[in-house]
Every structure is written in C-alpha cells, then in structure tokens.
PDB file of all heavy atoms in Angstrom:
ATOM      1  N   TYR A   1      63.919 -44.208  10.058  1.00  0.00           N
ATOM      2  CA  TYR A   1      62.495 -44.106  10.350  1.00  0.00           C
ATOM      3  C   TYR A   1      62.113 -42.629  10.470  1.00  0.00           C
ATOM      4  O   TYR A   1      62.861 -41.809  11.046  1.00  0.00           O
ATOM      5  CB  TYR A   1      62.163 -44.809  11.651  1.00  0.00           C
ATOM      6  CG  TYR A   1      62.108 -46.304  11.579  1.00  0.00           C
ATOM      7  CD1 TYR A   1      63.105 -47.107  12.174  1.00  0.00           C
ATOM      8  CD2 TYR A   1      61.051 -46.946  10.921  1.00  0.00           C
ATOM      9  CE1 TYR A   1      63.048 -48.510  12.095  1.00  0.00           C
ATOM     10  CE2 TYR A   1      60.985 -48.313  10.848  1.00  0.00           C
ATOM     11  CZ  TYR A   1      61.980 -49.088  11.426  1.00  0.00           C
ATOM     12  OH  TYR A   1      61.915 -50.478  11.348  1.00  0.00           O
ATOM     13  N   LEU A   2      60.903 -42.297   9.970  1.00  0.00           N
ATOM     14  CA  LEU A   2      60.372 -40.936  10.089  1.00  0.00           C
ATOM     15  C   LEU A   2      58.911 -41.012  10.469  1.00  0.00           C
ATOM     16  O   LEU A   2      58.183 -41.920  10.056  1.00  0.00           O
ATOM     17  CB  LEU A   2      60.516 -40.180   8.770  1.00  0.00           C
ATOM     18  CG  LEU A   2      61.936 -39.872   8.273  1.00  0.00           C
ATOM     19  CD1 LEU A   2      61.864 -39.293   6.855  1.00  0.00           C
ATOM     20  CD2 LEU A   2      62.649 -38.903   9.209  1.00  0.00           C
ATOM     21  N   ILE A   3      58.454 -40.034  11.246  1.00  0.00           N
ATOM     22  CA  ILE A   3      57.023 -39.928  11.568  1.00  0.00           C
ATOM     23  C   ILE A   3      56.298 -39.318  10.393  1.00  0.00           C
ATOM     24  O   ILE A   3      56.670 -38.251   9.898  1.00  0.00           O
ATOM     25  CB  ILE A   3      56.817 -39.033  12.816  1.00  0.00           C
ATOM     26  CG1 ILE A   3      57.491 -39.682  14.048  1.00  0.00           C
ATOM     27  CG2 ILE A   3      55.335 -38.800  13.083  1.00  0.00           C
ATOM     28  CD1 ILE A   3      57.579 -38.746  15.257  1.00  0.00           C
ATOM     29  N   ASN A   4      55.311 -40.037   9.902  1.00  0.00           N
ATOM     30  CA  ASN A   4      54.575 -39.581   8.724  1.00  0.00           C
ATOM     31  C   ASN A   4      53.568 -38.484   9.130  1.00  0.00           C
ATOM     32  O   ASN A   4      52.563 -38.779   9.763  1.00  0.00           O
ATOM     33  CB  ASN A   4      53.847 -40.750   8.071  1.00  0.00           C
ATOM     34  CG  ASN A   4      53.159 -40.370   6.759  1.00  0.00           C
ATOM     35  OD1 ASN A   4      53.012 -39.171   6.450  1.00  0.00           O
ATOM     36  ND2 ASN A   4      52.722 -41.337   6.001  1.00  0.00           N
ATOM     37  N   ASN A   5      53.866 -37.241   8.777  1.00  0.00           N
ATOM     38  CA  ASN A   5      52.948 -36.151   9.089  1.00  0.00           C
ATOM     39  C   ASN A   5      52.319 -35.584   7.805  1.00  0.00           C
ATOM     40  O   ASN A   5      51.811 -34.468   7.797  1.00  0.00           O
ATOM     41  CB  ASN A   5      53.660 -35.036   9.871  1.00  0.00           C
ATOM     42  CG  ASN A   5      54.818 -34.398   9.105  1.00  0.00           C
ATOM     43  OD1 ASN A   5      55.411 -35.054   8.250  1.00  0.00           O
ATOM     44  ND2 ASN A   5      55.105 -33.167   9.412  1.00  0.00           N
ATOM     45  N   ASN A   6      52.382 -36.375   6.710  1.00  0.00           N
ATOM     46  CA  ASN A   6      51.660 -36.033   5.497  1.00  0.00           C
ATOM     47  C   ASN A   6      50.229 -36.527   5.585  1.00  0.00           C
ATOM     48  O   ASN A   6      49.839 -37.182   6.581  1.00  0.00           O
ATOM     49  CB  ASN A   6      52.349 -36.673   4.278  1.00  0.00           C
ATOM     50  CG  ASN A   6      53.723 -36.071   3.991  1.00  0.00           C
ATOM     51  OD1 ASN A   6      53.893 -34.867   4.118  1.00  0.00           O
ATOM     52  ND2 ASN A   6      54.672 -36.892   3.609  1.00  0.00           N
ATOM     53  N   ASN A   7      49.441 -36.289   4.570  1.00  0.00           N
ATOM     54  CA  ASN A   7      48.102 -36.834   4.514  1.00  0.00           C
ATOM     55  C   ASN A   7      48.188 -38.351   4.291  1.00  0.00           C
ATOM     56  O   ASN A   7      48.896 -38.829   3.409  1.00  0.00           O
ATOM     57  CB  ASN A   7      47.295 -36.209   3.371  1.00  0.00           C
ATOM     58  CG  ASN A   7      46.998 -34.754   3.627  1.00  0.00           C
ATOM     59  OD1 ASN A   7      46.795 -34.357   4.756  1.00  0.00           O
ATOM     60  ND2 ASN A   7      46.963 -33.949   2.588  1.00  0.00           N
ATOM     61  N   TYR A   8      47.455 -39.108   5.111  1.00  0.00           N
ATOM     62  CA  TYR A   8      47.475 -40.568   4.984  1.00  0.00           C
ATOM     63  C   TYR A   8      46.617 -41.003   3.818  1.00  0.00           C
ATOM     64  O   TYR A   8      45.612 -40.376   3.473  1.00  0.00           O
ATOM     65  CB  TYR A   8      46.915 -41.228   6.257  1.00  0.00           C
ATOM     66  CG  TYR A   8      47.697 -40.980   7.504  1.00  0.00           C
ATOM     67  CD1 TYR A   8      47.090 -41.052   8.763  1.00  0.00           C
ATOM     68  CD2 TYR A   8      49.081 -40.722   7.468  1.00  0.00           C
ATOM     69  CE1 TYR A   8      47.796 -40.834   9.936  1.00  0.00           C
ATOM     70  CE2 TYR A   8      49.794 -40.524   8.636  1.00  0.00           C
ATOM     71  CZ  TYR A   8      49.146 -40.572   9.861  1.00  0.00           C
ATOM     72  OH  TYR A   8      49.850 -40.369  11.012  1.00  0.00           O
ATOM     73  N   SER A   9      47.007 -42.118   3.207  1.00  0.00           N
ATOM     74  CA  SER A   9      46.171 -42.727   2.171  1.00  0.00           C
ATOM     75  C   SER A   9      44.942 -43.308   2.850  1.00  0.00           C
ATOM     76  O   SER A   9      44.899 -43.537   4.060  1.00  0.00           O
ATOM     77  CB  SER A   9      46.937 -43.836   1.460  1.00  0.00           C
ATOM     78  OG  SER A   9      47.183 -44.910   2.351  1.00  0.00           O
ATOM     79  N   ASP A  10      43.918 -43.598   2.041  1.00  0.00           N
ATOM     80  CA  ASP A  10      42.701 -44.199   2.589  1.00  0.00           C
ATOM     81  C   ASP A  10      42.987 -45.548   3.208  1.00  0.00           C
ATOM     82  O   ASP A  10      42.375 -45.918   4.234  1.00  0.00           O
ATOM     83  CB  ASP A  10      41.641 -44.360   1.465  1.00  0.00           C
ATOM     84  CG  ASP A  10      41.078 -43.018   1.020  1.00  0.00           C
ATOM     85  OD1 ASP A  10      41.190 -42.045   1.778  1.00  0.00           O
ATOM     86  OD2 ASP A  10      40.514 -42.970  -0.094  1.00  0.00           O
ATOM     87  N   GLU A  11      43.940 -46.271   2.627  1.00  0.00           N
ATOM     88  CA  GLU A  11      44.282 -47.589   3.178  1.00  0.00           C
ATOM     89  C   GLU A  11      44.898 -47.454   4.572  1.00  0.00           C
ATOM     90  O   GLU A  11      44.552 -48.205   5.492  1.00  0.00           O
ATOM     91  CB  GLU A  11      45.270 -48.284   2.244  1.00  0.00           C
ATOM     92  CG  GLU A  11      45.602 -49.726   2.658  1.00  0.00           C
ATOM     93  CD  GLU A  11      46.528 -50.427   1.684  1.00  0.00           C
ATOM     94  OE1 GLU A  11      47.133 -49.755   0.824  1.00  0.00           O
ATOM     95  OE2 GLU A  11      46.676 -51.661   1.798  1.00  0.00           O
ATOM     96  N   VAL A  12      45.765 -46.477   4.720  1.00  0.00           N
ATOM     97  CA  VAL A  12      46.417 -46.246   6.038  1.00  0.00           C
ATOM     98  C   VAL A  12      45.369 -45.767   7.027  1.00  0.00           C
ATOM     99  O   VAL A  12      45.354 -46.214   8.203  1.00  0.00           O
ATOM    100  CB  VAL A  12      47.569 -45.262   5.919  1.00  0.00           C
ATOM    101  CG1 VAL A  12      48.072 -44.818   7.289  1.00  0.00           C
ATOM    102  CG2 VAL A  12      48.732 -45.881   5.144  1.00  0.00           C
ATOM    103  N   LYS A  13      44.503 -44.870   6.612  1.00  0.00           N
ATOM    104  CA  LYS A  13      43.433 -44.375   7.498  1.00  0.00           C
ATOM    105  C   LYS A  13      42.567 -45.514   7.983  1.00  0.00           C
ATOM    106  O   LYS A  13      42.228 -45.596   9.188  1.00  0.00           O
ATOM    107  CB  LYS A  13      42.576 -43.353   6.767  1.00  0.00           C
ATOM    108  CG  LYS A  13      43.240 -42.002   6.551  1.00  0.00           C
ATOM    109  CD  LYS A  13      42.318 -41.066   5.762  1.00  0.00           C
ATOM    110  CE  LYS A  13      42.959 -39.749   5.449  1.00  0.00           C
ATOM    111  NZ  LYS A  13      42.092 -38.868   4.634  1.00  0.00           N
ATOM    112  N   GLY A  14      42.192 -46.413   7.082  1.00  0.00           N
ATOM    113  CA  GLY A  14      41.373 -47.559   7.457  1.00  0.00           C
ATOM    114  C   GLY A  14      42.109 -48.467   8.411  1.00  0.00           C
ATOM    115  O   GLY A  14      41.521 -49.028   9.345  1.00  0.00           O
ATOM    116  N   PHE A  15      43.400 -48.654   8.172  1.00  0.00           N
ATOM    117  CA  PHE A  15      44.221 -49.521   9.037  1.00  0.00           C
ATOM    118  C   PHE A  15      44.287 -48.934  10.453  1.00  0.00           C
ATOM    119  O   PHE A  15      44.114 -49.680  11.431  1.00  0.00           O
ATOM    120  CB  PHE A  15      45.633 -49.637   8.450  1.00  0.00           C
ATOM    121  CG  PHE A  15      46.561 -50.452   9.274  1.00  0.00           C
ATOM    122  CD1 PHE A  15      46.544 -51.838   9.219  1.00  0.00           C
ATOM    123  CD2 PHE A  15      47.499 -49.848  10.096  1.00  0.00           C
ATOM    124  CE1 PHE A  15      47.390 -52.617   9.995  1.00  0.00           C
ATOM    125  CE2 PHE A  15      48.357 -50.585  10.880  1.00  0.00           C
ATOM    126  CZ  PHE A  15      48.321 -51.992  10.812  1.00  0.00           C
ATOM    127  N   ILE A  16      44.500 -47.634  10.558  1.00  0.00           N
ATOM    128  CA  ILE A  16      44.597 -47.001  11.874  1.00  0.00           C
ATOM    129  C   ILE A  16      43.248 -47.069  12.586  1.00  0.00           C
ATOM    130  O   ILE A  16      43.190 -47.353  13.793  1.00  0.00           O
ATOM    131  CB  ILE A  16      45.079 -45.549  11.743  1.00  0.00           C
ATOM    132  CG1 ILE A  16      46.505 -45.490  11.222  1.00  0.00           C
ATOM    133  CG2 ILE A  16      44.986 -44.821  13.089  1.00  0.00           C
ATOM    134  CD1 ILE A  16      47.024 -44.103  10.905  1.00  0.00           C
ATOM    135  N   LYS A  17      42.171 -46.837  11.846  1.00  0.00           N
ATOM    136  CA  LYS A  17      40.840 -46.888  12.444  1.00  0.00           C
ATOM    137  C   LYS A  17      40.549 -48.275  13.015  1.00  0.00           C
ATOM    138  O   LYS A  17      40.007 -48.400  14.128  1.00  0.00           O
ATOM    139  CB  LYS A  17      39.776 -46.486  11.401  1.00  0.00           C
ATOM    140  CG  LYS A  17      38.355 -46.414  11.952  1.00  0.00           C
ATOM    141  CD  LYS A  17      37.406 -45.904  10.881  1.00  0.00           C
ATOM    142  CE  LYS A  17      35.993 -45.697  11.438  1.00  0.00           C
ATOM    143  NZ  LYS A  17      35.368 -46.954  11.870  1.00  0.00           N
ATOM    144  N   ALA A  18      40.888 -49.304  12.251  1.00  0.00           N
ATOM    145  CA  ALA A  18      40.651 -50.674  12.698  1.00  0.00           C
ATOM    146  C   ALA A  18      41.480 -50.966  13.959  1.00  0.00           C
ATOM    147  O   ALA A  18      41.008 -51.620  14.891  1.00  0.00           O
ATOM    148  CB  ALA A  18      40.963 -51.653  11.586  1.00  0.00           C
ATOM    149  N   ALA A  19      42.731 -50.504  13.950  1.00  0.00           N
ATOM    150  CA  ALA A  19      43.595 -50.742  15.102  1.00  0.00           C
ATOM    151  C   ALA A  19      43.058 -49.995  16.338  1.00  0.00           C
ATOM    152  O   ALA A  19      43.030 -50.556  17.450  1.00  0.00           O
ATOM    153  CB  ALA A  19      45.024 -50.276  14.805  1.00  0.00           C
ATOM    154  N   ASP A  20      42.624 -48.748  16.140  1.00  0.00           N
ATOM    155  CA  ASP A  20      42.059 -47.955  17.252  1.00  0.00           C
ATOM    156  C   ASP A  20      40.892 -48.683  17.914  1.00  0.00           C
ATOM    157  O   ASP A  20      40.693 -48.604  19.118  1.00  0.00           O
ATOM    158  CB  ASP A  20      41.578 -46.597  16.747  1.00  0.00           C
ATOM    159  CG  ASP A  20      42.713 -45.619  16.465  1.00  0.00           C
ATOM    160  OD1 ASP A  20      43.850 -45.923  16.854  1.00  0.00           O
ATOM    161  OD2 ASP A  20      42.439 -44.550  15.914  1.00  0.00           O
ATOM    162  N   GLU A  21      40.095 -49.348  17.077  1.00  0.00           N
ATOM    163  CA  GLU A  21      38.862 -49.981  17.588  1.00  0.00           C
ATOM    164  C   GLU A  21      39.090 -51.387  18.135  1.00  0.00           C
ATOM    165  O   GLU A  21      38.183 -51.975  18.687  1.00  0.00           O
ATOM    166  CB  GLU A  21      37.831 -50.031  16.454  1.00  0.00           C
ATOM    167  CG  GLU A  21      37.332 -48.624  16.036  1.00  0.00           C
ATOM    168  CD  GLU A  21      36.454 -48.678  14.825  1.00  0.00           C
ATOM    169  OE1 GLU A  21      36.318 -49.763  14.208  1.00  0.00           O
ATOM    170  OE2 GLU A  21      35.902 -47.616  14.462  1.00  0.00           O
ATOM    171  N   SER A  22      40.314 -51.881  17.992  1.00  0.00           N
ATOM    172  CA  SER A  22      40.603 -53.226  18.489  1.00  0.00           C
ATOM    173  C   SER A  22      40.598 -53.254  20.016  1.00  0.00           C
ATOM    174  O   SER A  22      40.868 -52.254  20.681  1.00  0.00           O
ATOM    175  CB  SER A  22      41.941 -53.720  17.955  1.00  0.00           C
ATOM    176  OG  SER A  22      43.007 -53.022  18.548  1.00  0.00           O
ATOM    177  N   LYS A  23      40.314 -54.403  20.574  1.00  0.00           N
ATOM    178  CA  LYS A  23      40.208 -54.548  22.009  1.00  0.00           C
ATOM    179  C   LYS A  23      41.507 -54.161  22.726  1.00  0.00           C
ATOM    180  O   LYS A  23      41.485 -53.457  23.762  1.00  0.00           O
ATOM    181  CB  LYS A  23      39.836 -55.989  22.359  1.00  0.00           C
ATOM    182  CG  LYS A  23      39.719 -56.266  23.855  1.00  0.00           C
ATOM    183  CD  LYS A  23      39.408 -57.711  24.133  1.00  0.00           C
ATOM    184  CE  LYS A  23      39.377 -57.990  25.634  1.00  0.00           C
ATOM    185  NZ  LYS A  23      39.104 -59.423  25.924  1.00  0.00           N
ATOM    186  N   ASP A  24      42.651 -54.588  22.194  1.00  0.00           N
ATOM    187  CA  ASP A  24      43.930 -54.314  22.820  1.00  0.00           C
ATOM    188  C   ASP A  24      44.248 -52.837  22.903  1.00  0.00           C
ATOM    189  O   ASP A  24      44.668 -52.307  23.938  1.00  0.00           O
ATOM    190  CB  ASP A  24      45.076 -55.048  22.079  1.00  0.00           C
ATOM    191  CG  ASP A  24      44.964 -56.554  22.225  1.00  0.00           C
ATOM    192  OD1 ASP A  24      44.156 -57.014  23.067  1.00  0.00           O
ATOM    193  OD2 ASP A  24      45.652 -57.285  21.486  1.00  0.00           O
ATOM    194  N   ILE A  25      44.035 -52.123  21.777  1.00  0.00           N
ATOM    195  CA  ILE A  25      44.333 -50.701  21.744  1.00  0.00           C
ATOM    196  C   ILE A  25      43.330 -49.911  22.562  1.00  0.00           C
ATOM    197  O   ILE A  25      43.664 -48.955  23.245  1.00  0.00           O
ATOM    198  CB  ILE A  25      44.400 -50.194  20.301  1.00  0.00           C
ATOM    199  CG1 ILE A  25      45.482 -50.929  19.485  1.00  0.00           C
ATOM    200  CG2 ILE A  25      44.670 -48.687  20.277  1.00  0.00           C
ATOM    201  CD1 ILE A  25      46.865 -50.875  20.103  1.00  0.00           C
ATOM    202  N   GLN A  26      42.068 -50.359  22.570  1.00  0.00           N
ATOM    203  CA  GLN A  26      41.072 -49.695  23.393  1.00  0.00           C
ATOM    204  C   GLN A  26      41.438 -49.764  24.861  1.00  0.00           C
ATOM    205  O   GLN A  26      41.160 -48.834  25.612  1.00  0.00           O
ATOM    206  CB  GLN A  26      39.702 -50.355  23.161  1.00  0.00           C
ATOM    207  CG  GLN A  26      38.996 -49.880  21.892  1.00  0.00           C
ATOM    208  CD  GLN A  26      38.638 -48.402  21.948  1.00  0.00           C
ATOM    209  OE1 GLN A  26      38.012 -47.939  22.895  1.00  0.00           O
ATOM    210  NE2 GLN A  26      39.031 -47.682  20.915  1.00  0.00           N
ATOM    211  N   GLU A  27      42.121 -50.845  25.245  1.00  0.00           N
ATOM    212  CA  GLU A  27      42.545 -50.929  26.645  1.00  0.00           C
ATOM    213  C   GLU A  27      43.603 -49.889  26.947  1.00  0.00           C
ATOM    214  O   GLU A  27      43.631 -49.313  28.055  1.00  0.00           O
ATOM    215  CB  GLU A  27      43.106 -52.351  26.947  1.00  0.00           C
ATOM    216  CG  GLU A  27      43.531 -52.475  28.403  1.00  0.00           C
ATOM    217  CD  GLU A  27      43.556 -53.934  28.882  1.00  0.00           C
ATOM    218  OE1 GLU A  27      43.087 -54.809  28.145  1.00  0.00           O
ATOM    219  OE2 GLU A  27      44.047 -54.161  29.990  1.00  0.00           O
ATOM    220  N   LEU A  28      44.477 -49.625  25.983  1.00  0.00           N
ATOM    221  CA  LEU A  28      45.472 -48.540  26.179  1.00  0.00           C
ATOM    222  C   LEU A  28      44.755 -47.211  26.403  1.00  0.00           C
ATOM    223  O   LEU A  28      45.087 -46.449  27.302  1.00  0.00           O
ATOM    224  CB  LEU A  28      46.372 -48.433  24.952  1.00  0.00           C
ATOM    225  CG  LEU A  28      47.544 -49.399  24.800  1.00  0.00           C
ATOM    226  CD1 LEU A  28      48.318 -49.076  23.535  1.00  0.00           C
ATOM    227  CD2 LEU A  28      48.478 -49.317  25.999  1.00  0.00           C
ATOM    228  N   PHE A  29      43.790 -46.896  25.529  1.00  0.00           N
ATOM    229  CA  PHE A  29      43.041 -45.657  25.666  1.00  0.00           C
ATOM    230  C   PHE A  29      42.320 -45.590  27.010  1.00  0.00           C
ATOM    231  O   PHE A  29      42.250 -44.513  27.644  1.00  0.00           O
ATOM    232  CB  PHE A  29      42.043 -45.506  24.534  1.00  0.00           C
ATOM    233  CG  PHE A  29      42.670 -45.191  23.184  1.00  0.00           C
ATOM    234  CD1 PHE A  29      42.445 -46.025  22.105  1.00  0.00           C
ATOM    235  CD2 PHE A  29      43.472 -44.099  23.020  1.00  0.00           C
ATOM    236  CE1 PHE A  29      43.024 -45.743  20.863  1.00  0.00           C
ATOM    237  CE2 PHE A  29      44.052 -43.796  21.791  1.00  0.00           C
ATOM    238  CZ  PHE A  29      43.832 -44.612  20.719  1.00  0.00           C
ATOM    239  N   SER A  30      41.796 -46.716  27.445  1.00  0.00           N
ATOM    240  CA  SER A  30      41.085 -46.741  28.719  1.00  0.00           C
ATOM    241  C   SER A  30      41.989 -46.450  29.899  1.00  0.00           C
ATOM    242  O   SER A  30      41.623 -45.757  30.842  1.00  0.00           O
ATOM    243  CB  SER A  30      40.420 -48.124  28.943  1.00  0.00           C
ATOM    244  OG  SER A  30      39.392 -48.358  27.982  1.00  0.00           O
ATOM    245  N   ILE A  31      43.203 -46.975  29.835  1.00  0.00           N
ATOM    246  CA  ILE A  31      44.187 -46.721  30.888  1.00  0.00           C
ATOM    247  C   ILE A  31      44.516 -45.231  30.971  1.00  0.00           C
ATOM    248  O   ILE A  31      44.567 -44.653  32.069  1.00  0.00           O
ATOM    249  CB  ILE A  31      45.471 -47.541  30.656  1.00  0.00           C
ATOM    250  CG1 ILE A  31      45.206 -49.009  30.912  1.00  0.00           C
ATOM    251  CG2 ILE A  31      46.617 -47.046  31.549  1.00  0.00           C
ATOM    252  CD1 ILE A  31      46.340 -49.926  30.493  1.00  0.00           C
ATOM    253  N   VAL A  32      44.677 -44.609  29.800  1.00  0.00           N
ATOM    254  CA  VAL A  32      44.968 -43.161  29.772  1.00  0.00           C
ATOM    255  C   VAL A  32      43.765 -42.369  30.321  1.00  0.00           C
ATOM    256  O   VAL A  32      43.930 -41.444  31.119  1.00  0.00           O
ATOM    257  CB  VAL A  32      45.305 -42.710  28.350  1.00  0.00           C
ATOM    258  CG1 VAL A  32      45.442 -41.184  28.253  1.00  0.00           C
ATOM    259  CG2 VAL A  32      46.591 -43.378  27.855  1.00  0.00           C
ATOM    260  N   LYS A  33      42.582 -42.739  29.895  1.00  0.00           N
ATOM    261  CA  LYS A  33      41.365 -42.037  30.353  1.00  0.00           C
ATOM    262  C   LYS A  33      41.181 -42.169  31.868  1.00  0.00           C
ATOM    263  O   LYS A  33      40.871 -41.185  32.558  1.00  0.00           O
ATOM    264  CB  LYS A  33      40.120 -42.592  29.626  1.00  0.00           C
ATOM    265  CG  LYS A  33      38.845 -41.890  29.967  1.00  0.00           C
ATOM    266  CD  LYS A  33      37.668 -42.471  29.215  1.00  0.00           C
ATOM    267  CE  LYS A  33      36.358 -41.780  29.596  1.00  0.00           C
ATOM    268  NZ  LYS A  33      35.209 -42.390  28.873  1.00  0.00           N
ATOM    269  N   GLU A  34      41.376 -43.383  32.378  1.00  0.00           N
ATOM    270  CA  GLU A  34      41.214 -43.600  33.810  1.00  0.00           C
ATOM    271  C   GLU A  34      42.249 -42.812  34.620  1.00  0.00           C
ATOM    272  O   GLU A  34      41.945 -42.261  35.695  1.00  0.00           O
ATOM    273  CB  GLU A  34      41.374 -45.094  34.125  1.00  0.00           C
ATOM    274  CG  GLU A  34      40.181 -45.927  33.675  1.00  0.00           C
ATOM    275  CD  GLU A  34      40.454 -47.414  33.716  1.00  0.00           C
ATOM    276  OE1 GLU A  34      41.525 -47.808  34.260  1.00  0.00           O
ATOM    277  OE2 GLU A  34      39.636 -48.204  33.229  1.00  0.00           O
ATOM    278  N   ASP A  35      43.480 -42.700  34.072  1.00  0.00           N
ATOM    279  CA  ASP A  35      44.491 -41.939  34.772  1.00  0.00           C
ATOM    280  C   ASP A  35      44.107 -40.449  34.808  1.00  0.00           C
ATOM    281  O   ASP A  35      44.302 -39.781  35.832  1.00  0.00           O
ATOM    282  CB  ASP A  35      45.844 -42.115  34.070  1.00  0.00           C
ATOM    283  CG  ASP A  35      46.953 -41.279  34.691  1.00  0.00           C
ATOM    284  OD1 ASP A  35      47.489 -41.749  35.714  1.00  0.00           O
ATOM    285  OD2 ASP A  35      47.242 -40.186  34.197  1.00  0.00           O
ATOM    286  N   ASN A  36      43.588 -39.935  33.692  1.00  0.00           N
ATOM    287  CA  ASN A  36      43.148 -38.543  33.644  1.00  0.00           C
ATOM    288  C   ASN A  36      42.013 -38.294  34.644  1.00  0.00           C
ATOM    289  O   ASN A  36      41.992 -37.268  35.327  1.00  0.00           O
ATOM    290  CB  ASN A  36      42.711 -38.175  32.248  1.00  0.00           C
ATOM    291  CG  ASN A  36      43.876 -37.774  31.365  1.00  0.00           C
ATOM    292  OD1 ASN A  36      44.026 -36.625  30.983  1.00  0.00           O
ATOM    293  ND2 ASN A  36      44.691 -38.739  30.973  1.00  0.00           N
ATOM    294  N   GLU A  37      41.088 -39.217  34.715  1.00  0.00           N
ATOM    295  CA  GLU A  37      39.983 -39.064  35.664  1.00  0.00           C
ATOM    296  C   GLU A  37      40.471 -39.088  37.109  1.00  0.00           C
ATOM    297  O   GLU A  37      39.976 -38.344  37.964  1.00  0.00           O
ATOM    298  CB  GLU A  37      38.939 -40.182  35.429  1.00  0.00           C
ATOM    299  CG  GLU A  37      38.183 -40.026  34.112  1.00  0.00           C
ATOM    300  CD  GLU A  37      37.316 -41.213  33.785  1.00  0.00           C
ATOM    301  OE1 GLU A  37      37.462 -42.263  34.448  1.00  0.00           O
ATOM    302  OE2 GLU A  37      36.477 -41.092  32.871  1.00  0.00           O
ATOM    303  N   LYS A  38      41.473 -39.934  37.365  1.00  0.00           N
ATOM    304  CA  LYS A  38      42.063 -39.995  38.709  1.00  0.00           C
ATOM    305  C   LYS A  38      42.754 -38.695  39.075  1.00  0.00           C
ATOM    306  O   LYS A  38      42.628 -38.181  40.159  1.00  0.00           O
ATOM    307  CB  LYS A  38      43.067 -41.155  38.757  1.00  0.00           C
ATOM    308  CG  LYS A  38      43.702 -41.388  40.126  1.00  0.00           C
ATOM    309  CD  LYS A  38      44.532 -42.680  40.084  1.00  0.00           C
ATOM    310  CE  LYS A  38      45.151 -42.984  41.445  1.00  0.00           C
ATOM    311  NZ  LYS A  38      46.222 -42.061  41.826  1.00  0.00           N
ATOM    312  N   CYS A  39      43.487 -38.129  38.102  1.00  0.00           N
ATOM    313  CA  CYS A  39      44.171 -36.863  38.339  1.00  0.00           C
ATOM    314  C   CYS A  39      43.152 -35.752  38.597  1.00  0.00           C
ATOM    315  O   CYS A  39      43.362 -34.883  39.462  1.00  0.00           O
ATOM    316  CB  CYS A  39      45.063 -36.504  37.139  1.00  0.00           C
ATOM    317  SG  CYS A  39      46.541 -37.527  36.980  1.00  0.00           S
ATOM    318  N   LEU A  40      42.054 -35.757  37.841  1.00  0.00           N
ATOM    319  CA  LEU A  40      41.019 -34.745  38.055  1.00  0.00           C
ATOM    320  C   LEU A  40      40.415 -34.852  39.443  1.00  0.00           C
ATOM    321  O   LEU A  40      40.110 -33.849  40.076  1.00  0.00           O
ATOM    322  CB  LEU A  40      39.918 -34.893  36.987  1.00  0.00           C
ATOM    323  CG  LEU A  40      40.192 -34.320  35.608  1.00  0.00           C
ATOM    324  CD1 LEU A  40      39.073 -34.731  34.636  1.00  0.00           C
ATOM    325  CD2 LEU A  40      40.307 -32.791  35.650  1.00  0.00           C
ATOM    326  N   ALA A  41      40.271 -36.081  39.931  1.00  0.00           N
ATOM    327  CA  ALA A  41      39.646 -36.303  41.218  1.00  0.00           C
ATOM    328  C   ALA A  41      40.590 -35.973  42.387  1.00  0.00           C
ATOM    329  O   ALA A  41      40.134 -35.519  43.453  1.00  0.00           O
ATOM    330  CB  ALA A  41      39.168 -37.752  41.324  1.00  0.00           C
ATOM    331  N   GLU A  42      41.895 -36.175  42.165  1.00  0.00           N
ATOM    332  CA  GLU A  42      42.845 -36.083  43.278  1.00  0.00           C
ATOM    333  C   GLU A  42      43.700 -34.823  43.252  1.00  0.00           C
ATOM    334  O   GLU A  42      44.297 -34.456  44.264  1.00  0.00           O
ATOM    335  CB  GLU A  42      43.735 -37.319  43.311  1.00  0.00           C
ATOM    336  CG  GLU A  42      42.976 -38.610  43.529  1.00  0.00           C
ATOM    337  CD  GLU A  42      43.891 -39.813  43.534  1.00  0.00           C
ATOM    338  OE1 GLU A  42      45.115 -39.659  43.273  1.00  0.00           O
ATOM    339  OE2 GLU A  42      43.399 -40.937  43.781  1.00  0.00           O
TER     340      GLU A  42
END
C-alpha cells in the first residue's frame, strides 16, 4: 500500500468529495472541530 500524493483523477476527486459530504464522515469532522474549540476555550 502507498499513499497517493499524485494528482487525483476526476473520478477519485468526485469520490472523495462525496465521501466528505456524507453524514458519517461529517460527524468525524465535527468531532475534530469540537475538540479544537474545546482546546481553544480551555
């Protein structure tokens, strides 16, 4: 396995965008954001 750090194809870009916008992944982003806000406050 290798991390793809080349330019993504349009198909891959679309796939990642759709995944980013999904409810499950958005919850991951929300958890990270809330933790950052907590650290800023405390």
